[in-house]
Amino acid sequence: MTMSYEQAITALIEAGRRLDARGWAPATSGNYSARLDDGSIALTVSGRHKGRLTGDGIMRVGLDGQPLSPGKPSAETDLHLAIYRLFPEAGAVLHGHSPQAVGLSRATDADAWVLAGHEMLKAYPGHTTHETEVQLPIVDNSQDMAVIEATVRPALLAPGAIPAYLIRSHGLYAWGKDVDEAERVLEATEWMIAAELAEASFRQAWAV
């Protein structure tokens, strides 16, 4: 689902405020984007606090990453564009930096985290039951976006892949057909991560 540039500005500003209120956008971290009806991408400008975005904090870029309006695009623009190129149905991408997601990524050396049995799994498109499990890919961080993209691509294209992945020591990427769906995927994934960490903490406490 695509939207006009003006609609995207409003939607991304509102999403930034909601994510910041949850503690998922500290300092100037995170970046958000939406596919526009002309095929270009609305994207947050680099270095802006996402909880205090204004209209000039959103710019346009082409699918080749070239700026189409004034502003410096996020350093992670290529990761957004990779998702739009891989998934033509993707209409928005949100990237948050919650302490829970980052903490989980640092606590394991695995290249994926299994989420199983959660009612919240039904927030993922196409999932209708909690009686299933999915893999949340985890990829090592890099200052070279091409390295991250190449490493995570096979997991994103695997059968049954969910529209989300985690960059170790960095944060969570989630996407959907529009900003609302991308936010729903992000929020559900963050909730399950927090629940898994809470469960581990309780199990450890009761084992003492």
Protein backbone atom coordinates (compact mmCIF):
# COMPACT_ATOMS: atom_id res chain seq x y z
CA MET A 1 0.00 0.00 0.00
CA THR A 2 1.50 3.32 -1.06
CA MET A 3 0.76 6.87 -0.01
CA SER A 4 1.49 10.45 -0.96
CA TYR A 5 4.56 12.23 0.38
CA GLU A 6 2.35 14.39 2.62
CA GLN A 7 0.59 11.30 4.02
CA ALA A 8 3.93 9.61 4.64
CA ILE A 9 5.29 12.64 6.50
CA THR A 10 2.29 12.57 8.86
CA ALA A 11 2.42 8.81 9.36
CA LEU A 12 6.17 8.66 10.04
CA ILE A 13 6.07 11.62 12.43
CA GLU A 14 3.27 9.96 14.40
CA ALA A 15 5.05 6.60 14.42
CA GLY A 16 8.22 8.28 15.67
CA ARG A 17 6.37 9.79 18.60
CA ARG A 18 4.77 6.48 19.54
CA LEU A 19 8.04 4.54 19.31
CA ASP A 20 9.89 7.18 21.28
CA ALA A 21 7.22 7.04 24.00
CA ARG A 22 7.96 3.31 24.34
CA GLY A 23 11.69 3.97 24.78
CA TRP A 24 12.60 2.54 21.38
CA ALA A 25 14.11 5.70 19.88
CA PRO A 26 16.75 7.06 22.28
CA ALA A 27 18.89 10.03 21.26
CA THR A 28 18.75 10.26 17.45
CA SER A 29 18.64 6.48 16.89
CA GLY A 30 16.27 4.62 14.60
CA ASN A 31 15.01 5.37 11.12
CA TYR A 32 11.66 5.02 9.40
CA SER A 33 10.50 4.95 5.80
CA ALA A 34 7.45 4.49 3.60
CA ARG A 35 6.99 3.67 -0.08
CA LEU A 36 5.29 6.50 -2.00
CA ASP A 37 2.74 6.33 -4.77
CA ASP A 38 5.30 7.58 -7.31
CA GLY A 39 7.71 4.73 -6.51
CA SER A 40 10.10 6.80 -4.42
CA ILE A 41 10.70 6.39 -0.69
CA ALA A 42 10.00 8.82 2.17
CA LEU A 43 12.77 8.46 4.75
CA THR A 44 13.80 10.08 8.01
CA VAL A 45 16.67 12.54 7.74
CA SER A 46 19.91 11.61 9.51
CA GLY A 47 20.56 12.96 12.99
CA ARG A 48 16.98 13.85 13.97
CA HIS A 49 15.35 12.80 17.22
CA LYS A 50 12.51 10.53 16.14
CA GLY A 51 10.21 11.58 18.96
CA ARG A 52 10.39 15.21 17.89
CA LEU A 53 10.23 14.92 14.11
CA THR A 54 8.79 17.72 11.98
CA GLY A 55 8.10 17.85 8.27
CA ASP A 56 11.67 18.79 7.39
CA GLY A 57 12.84 15.63 9.16
CA ILE A 58 11.44 13.51 6.32
CA MET A 59 12.96 13.47 2.83
CA ARG A 60 12.53 11.55 -0.44
CA VAL A 61 14.99 9.17 -2.08
CA GLY A 62 14.79 6.95 -5.15
CA LEU A 63 15.08 3.18 -4.96
CA ASP A 64 18.69 3.72 -6.04
CA GLY A 65 19.29 5.78 -2.89
CA GLN A 66 19.70 9.10 -4.68
CA PRO A 67 18.16 12.05 -2.77
CA LEU A 68 15.12 13.59 -4.45
CA SER A 69 14.62 16.37 -1.91
CA PRO A 70 16.88 18.38 0.45
CA GLY A 71 18.40 16.54 3.39
CA LYS A 72 20.95 13.93 4.39
CA PRO A 73 19.39 10.46 4.35
CA SER A 74 19.94 8.00 7.16
CA ALA A 75 23.19 6.06 7.09
CA GLU A 76 21.03 2.91 6.97
CA THR A 77 19.07 3.94 3.88
CA ASP A 78 20.43 0.95 1.95
CA LEU A 79 18.91 -1.47 4.45
CA HIS A 80 15.48 0.08 3.90
CA LEU A 81 15.90 0.02 0.13
CA ALA A 82 16.98 -3.61 0.22
CA ILE A 83 13.68 -4.56 1.87
CA TYR A 84 11.67 -2.61 -0.70
CA ARG A 85 13.56 -4.29 -3.53
CA LEU A 86 13.18 -7.79 -2.05
CA PHE A 87 9.52 -7.40 -1.14
CA PRO A 88 7.40 -5.40 -3.60
CA GLU A 89 4.46 -5.64 -1.17
CA ALA A 90 6.40 -3.82 1.58
CA GLY A 91 5.04 -0.32 2.08
CA ALA A 92 6.89 0.78 5.22
CA VAL A 93 9.99 -0.09 7.26
CA LEU A 94 10.57 0.83 10.91
CA HIS A 95 13.83 0.42 12.81
CA GLY A 96 13.89 0.69 16.60
CA HIS A 97 16.53 0.48 19.31
CA SER A 98 14.89 -1.00 22.40
CA PRO A 99 17.18 -2.09 25.26
CA GLN A 100 15.40 -5.47 25.34
CA ALA A 101 16.05 -6.27 21.68
CA VAL A 102 19.63 -5.09 21.87
CA GLY A 103 20.15 -6.98 25.14
CA LEU A 104 18.83 -10.22 23.66
CA SER A 105 21.08 -9.87 20.62
CA ARG A 106 24.12 -9.40 22.85
CA ALA A 107 23.23 -12.33 25.11
CA THR A 108 23.39 -14.93 22.34
CA ASP A 109 25.86 -15.85 19.62
CA ALA A 110 23.13 -17.59 17.60
CA ASP A 111 22.18 -16.37 14.14
CA ALA A 112 18.47 -16.58 15.02
CA TRP A 113 16.16 -16.61 18.03
CA VAL A 114 13.17 -18.96 18.05
CA LEU A 115 9.84 -17.46 19.09
CA ALA A 116 7.35 -20.23 19.86
CA GLY A 117 3.92 -20.57 21.43
CA HIS A 118 3.25 -16.85 21.84
CA GLU A 119 -0.27 -15.60 21.18
CA MET A 120 1.45 -12.52 19.74
CA LEU A 121 2.74 -14.60 16.82
CA LYS A 122 -0.64 -13.94 15.22
CA ALA A 123 0.46 -10.33 14.66
CA TYR A 124 2.64 -11.55 11.79
CA PRO A 125 0.89 -11.53 8.41
CA GLY A 126 -0.36 -15.00 7.49
CA HIS A 127 -0.11 -16.42 11.03
CA THR A 128 -3.40 -17.51 12.59
CA THR A 129 -2.37 -19.58 15.62
CA HIS A 130 -0.03 -19.50 18.58
CA GLU A 131 0.75 -23.18 17.95
CA THR A 132 3.73 -22.44 15.76
CA GLU A 133 7.25 -21.12 15.91
CA VAL A 134 9.25 -18.65 13.84
CA GLN A 135 12.86 -17.63 13.65
CA LEU A 136 13.94 -14.06 14.26
CA PRO A 137 17.21 -13.67 12.32
CA ILE A 138 20.14 -12.05 14.13
CA VAL A 139 22.95 -10.58 12.05
CA ASP A 140 26.20 -9.05 13.29
CA ASN A 141 26.45 -5.27 13.13
CA SER A 142 28.67 -3.55 10.59
CA GLN A 143 29.29 -0.02 9.41
CA ASP A 144 29.04 -1.42 5.89
CA MET A 145 25.33 -1.77 5.08
CA ALA A 146 26.11 -4.02 2.11
CA VAL A 147 27.65 -6.57 4.50
CA ILE A 148 24.55 -6.60 6.69
CA GLU A 149 22.26 -6.86 3.68
CA ALA A 150 24.19 -9.73 2.09
CA THR A 151 24.40 -11.64 5.37
CA VAL A 152 20.73 -11.41 6.31
CA ARG A 153 19.22 -11.77 2.82
CA PRO A 154 19.08 -15.63 2.79
CA ALA A 155 17.19 -15.65 6.10
CA LEU A 156 14.71 -13.05 4.86
CA LEU A 157 13.97 -15.12 1.75
CA ALA A 158 13.70 -18.46 3.56
CA PRO A 159 10.30 -20.23 3.59
CA GLY A 160 8.19 -19.02 6.51
CA ALA A 161 10.40 -16.00 7.17
CA ILE A 162 8.84 -13.22 9.22
CA PRO A 163 9.07 -9.52 8.26
CA ALA A 164 11.63 -8.66 10.92
CA TYR A 165 15.27 -9.15 11.83
CA LEU A 166 17.66 -8.08 14.56
CA ILE A 167 21.07 -6.47 14.17
CA ARG A 168 23.31 -7.49 17.05
CA SER A 169 24.13 -4.66 19.50
CA HIS A 170 22.03 -2.36 17.34
CA GLY A 171 18.29 -2.86 16.99
CA LEU A 172 15.26 -4.37 15.29
CA TYR A 173 14.01 -3.93 11.71
CA ALA A 174 10.34 -4.61 10.89
CA TRP A 175 8.20 -3.97 7.84
CA GLY A 176 4.68 -4.33 6.51
CA LYS A 177 2.26 -3.28 3.81
CA ASP A 178 1.91 0.14 5.46
CA VAL A 179 3.17 2.06 8.50
CA ASP A 180 0.47 0.59 10.75
CA GLU A 181 1.36 -2.99 9.85
CA ALA A 182 5.10 -2.34 10.19
CA GLU A 183 4.49 -0.87 13.63
CA ARG A 184 2.34 -3.86 14.58
CA VAL A 185 5.12 -6.25 13.56
CA LEU A 186 7.70 -4.20 15.44
CA GLU A 187 5.58 -3.96 18.57
CA ALA A 188 4.68 -7.65 18.57
CA THR A 189 8.29 -8.68 18.11
CA GLU A 190 9.46 -6.33 20.85
CA TRP A 191 6.76 -7.71 23.17
CA MET A 192 7.82 -11.32 22.56
CA ILE A 193 11.47 -10.43 23.12
CA ALA A 194 10.56 -8.76 26.43
CA ALA A 195 8.44 -11.77 27.41
CA GLU A 196 11.28 -14.18 26.63
CA LEU A 197 13.69 -12.16 28.74
CA ALA A 198 11.18 -11.96 31.60
CA GLU A 199 10.67 -15.73 31.45
CA ALA A 200 14.42 -16.34 31.56
CA SER A 201 14.76 -13.99 34.52
CA PHE A 202 11.96 -15.71 36.47
CA ARG A 203 13.32 -19.18 35.73
CA GLN A 204 16.74 -18.11 36.96
CA ALA A 205 15.26 -16.58 40.13
CA TRP A 206 13.21 -19.67 40.94
CA ALA A 207 16.18 -21.96 40.33
CA VAL A 208 18.16 -20.34 43.15
